[in-house]
Amino acid sequence: MELYTFLRELADSWALLAMTVFFLGVVVWVFRPGVRAVHDDISQIPFRNETLPTCENACPDCKNGGACKTIKFEVQ
């Protein structure tokens, strides 16, 4: 038996089975019970350390309910 034929048979059978088991294991691990809090915490990472925008000059646009053009974001 040639090496190529052996490796081809291995890839067609056992390697495919191993990759399928690995994929199903990852899916089960991601959707396991009790991990919702962790996923919610991770989803909020981009919004951490961010303060709300404030208007520096109390401009007329803000007083009339319009969009403020002088908003500055501060990152802590």
C-alpha atoms as a PDB file:
ATOM      1  CA  MET A   1       0.000   0.000   0.000  1.00  0.00           C
ATOM      2  CA  GLU A   2       1.370   3.366  -0.925  1.00  0.00           C
ATOM      3  CA  LEU A   3       1.681   6.120   1.606  1.00  0.00           C
ATOM      4  CA  TYR A   4      -0.700   8.370  -0.321  1.00  0.00           C
ATOM      5  CA  THR A   5      -3.405   5.694  -0.404  1.00  0.00           C
ATOM      6  CA  PHE A   6      -3.022   5.062   3.319  1.00  0.00           C
ATOM      7  CA  LEU A   7      -3.213   8.756   4.182  1.00  0.00           C
ATOM      8  CA  ARG A   8      -6.208   9.198   1.877  1.00  0.00           C
ATOM      9  CA  GLU A   9      -8.077   6.364   3.613  1.00  0.00           C
ATOM     10  CA  LEU A  10      -7.169   7.779   7.013  1.00  0.00           C
ATOM     11  CA  ALA A  11      -8.394  11.240   6.057  1.00  0.00           C
ATOM     12  CA  ASP A  12     -11.625   9.852   4.588  1.00  0.00           C
ATOM     13  CA  SER A  13     -12.499   7.860   7.684  1.00  0.00           C
ATOM     14  CA  TRP A  14     -10.865   8.575  11.044  1.00  0.00           C
ATOM     15  CA  ALA A  15      -9.831  12.182  10.460  1.00  0.00           C
ATOM     16  CA  LEU A  16     -13.346  13.041   9.293  1.00  0.00           C
ATOM     17  CA  LEU A  17     -14.783  11.355  12.365  1.00  0.00           C
ATOM     18  CA  ALA A  18     -12.323  13.184  14.651  1.00  0.00           C
ATOM     19  CA  MET A  19     -13.146  16.579  13.101  1.00  0.00           C
ATOM     20  CA  THR A  20     -16.883  15.897  13.433  1.00  0.00           C
ATOM     21  CA  VAL A  21     -16.521  14.940  17.097  1.00  0.00           C
ATOM     22  CA  PHE A  22     -14.384  18.034  17.723  1.00  0.00           C
ATOM     23  CA  PHE A  23     -16.971  20.295  16.033  1.00  0.00           C
ATOM     24  CA  LEU A  24     -19.854  18.801  18.015  1.00  0.00           C
ATOM     25  CA  GLY A  25     -17.825  19.136  21.220  1.00  0.00           C
ATOM     26  CA  VAL A  26     -17.223  22.844  20.559  1.00  0.00           C
ATOM     27  CA  VAL A  27     -20.925  23.412  19.841  1.00  0.00           C
ATOM     28  CA  VAL A  28     -21.941  21.652  23.067  1.00  0.00           C
ATOM     29  CA  TRP A  29     -19.304  23.584  25.047  1.00  0.00           C
ATOM     30  CA  VAL A  30     -20.490  26.957  23.709  1.00  0.00           C
ATOM     31  CA  PHE A  31     -24.177  26.276  24.380  1.00  0.00           C
ATOM     32  CA  ARG A  32     -23.756  24.515  27.728  1.00  0.00           C
ATOM     33  CA  PRO A  33     -26.186  25.436  30.505  1.00  0.00           C
ATOM     34  CA  GLY A  34     -25.197  28.234  32.867  1.00  0.00           C
ATOM     35  CA  VAL A  35     -22.883  30.094  30.491  1.00  0.00           C
ATOM     36  CA  ARG A  36     -25.346  32.865  29.579  1.00  0.00           C
ATOM     37  CA  ALA A  37     -23.912  35.261  32.183  1.00  0.00           C
ATOM     38  CA  VAL A  38     -20.413  34.823  30.772  1.00  0.00           C
ATOM     39  CA  HIS A  39     -21.600  35.476  27.219  1.00  0.00           C
ATOM     40  CA  ASP A  40     -23.551  38.565  28.321  1.00  0.00           C
ATOM     41  CA  ASP A  41     -20.449  39.909  30.076  1.00  0.00           C
ATOM     42  CA  ILE A  42     -18.270  39.274  27.032  1.00  0.00           C
ATOM     43  CA  SER A  43     -20.786  40.980  24.729  1.00  0.00           C
ATOM     44  CA  GLN A  44     -20.485  44.192  26.762  1.00  0.00           C
ATOM     45  CA  ILE A  45     -16.679  44.506  26.436  1.00  0.00           C
ATOM     46  CA  PRO A  46     -16.803  47.192  23.691  1.00  0.00           C
ATOM     47  CA  PHE A  47     -18.994  49.397  25.889  1.00  0.00           C
ATOM     48  CA  ARG A  48     -16.924  49.278  29.075  1.00  0.00           C
ATOM     49  CA  ASN A  49     -15.081  52.408  30.233  1.00  0.00           C
ATOM     50  CA  GLU A  50     -17.306  54.623  28.142  1.00  0.00           C
ATOM     51  CA  THR A  51     -19.046  57.674  29.575  1.00  0.00           C
ATOM     52  CA  LEU A  52     -22.189  59.216  28.237  1.00  0.00           C
ATOM     53  CA  PRO A  53     -21.748  62.180  25.901  1.00  0.00           C
ATOM     54  CA  THR A  54     -22.104  65.582  27.515  1.00  0.00           C
ATOM     55  CA  CYS A  55     -22.736  68.938  25.959  1.00  0.00           C
ATOM     56  CA  GLU A  56     -19.999  71.372  26.904  1.00  0.00           C
ATOM     57  CA  ASN A  57     -21.812  74.621  26.149  1.00  0.00           C
ATOM     58  CA  ALA A  58     -25.485  73.747  26.709  1.00  0.00           C
ATOM     59  CA  CYS A  59     -26.028  74.747  23.101  1.00  0.00           C
ATOM     60  CA  PRO A  60     -29.399  75.843  21.702  1.00  0.00           C
ATOM     61  CA  ASP A  61     -29.739  72.599  19.786  1.00  0.00           C
ATOM     62  CA  CYS A  62     -29.793  70.670  23.048  1.00  0.00           C
ATOM     63  CA  LYS A  63     -32.304  73.020  24.644  1.00  0.00           C
ATOM     64  CA  ASN A  64     -34.700  72.644  21.698  1.00  0.00           C
ATOM     65  CA  GLY A  65     -34.458  68.867  21.615  1.00  0.00           C
ATOM     66  CA  GLY A  66     -32.209  68.740  18.547  1.00  0.00           C
ATOM     67  CA  ALA A  67     -28.942  66.927  18.064  1.00  0.00           C
ATOM     68  CA  CYS A  68     -25.967  68.502  19.786  1.00  0.00           C
ATOM     69  CA  LYS A  69     -23.020  69.228  17.516  1.00  0.00           C
ATOM     70  CA  THR A  70     -20.467  69.774  20.289  1.00  0.00           C
ATOM     71  CA  ILE A  71     -20.608  66.381  21.992  1.00  0.00           C
ATOM     72  CA  LYS A  72     -17.269  64.963  23.071  1.00  0.00           C
ATOM     73  CA  PHE A  73     -16.788  61.394  24.223  1.00  0.00           C
ATOM     74  CA  GLU A  74     -14.478  60.772  27.129  1.00  0.00           C
ATOM     75  CA  VAL A  75     -12.712  57.464  27.620  1.00  0.00           C
ATOM     76  CA  GLN A  76     -11.610  56.682  31.128  1.00  0.00           C
END
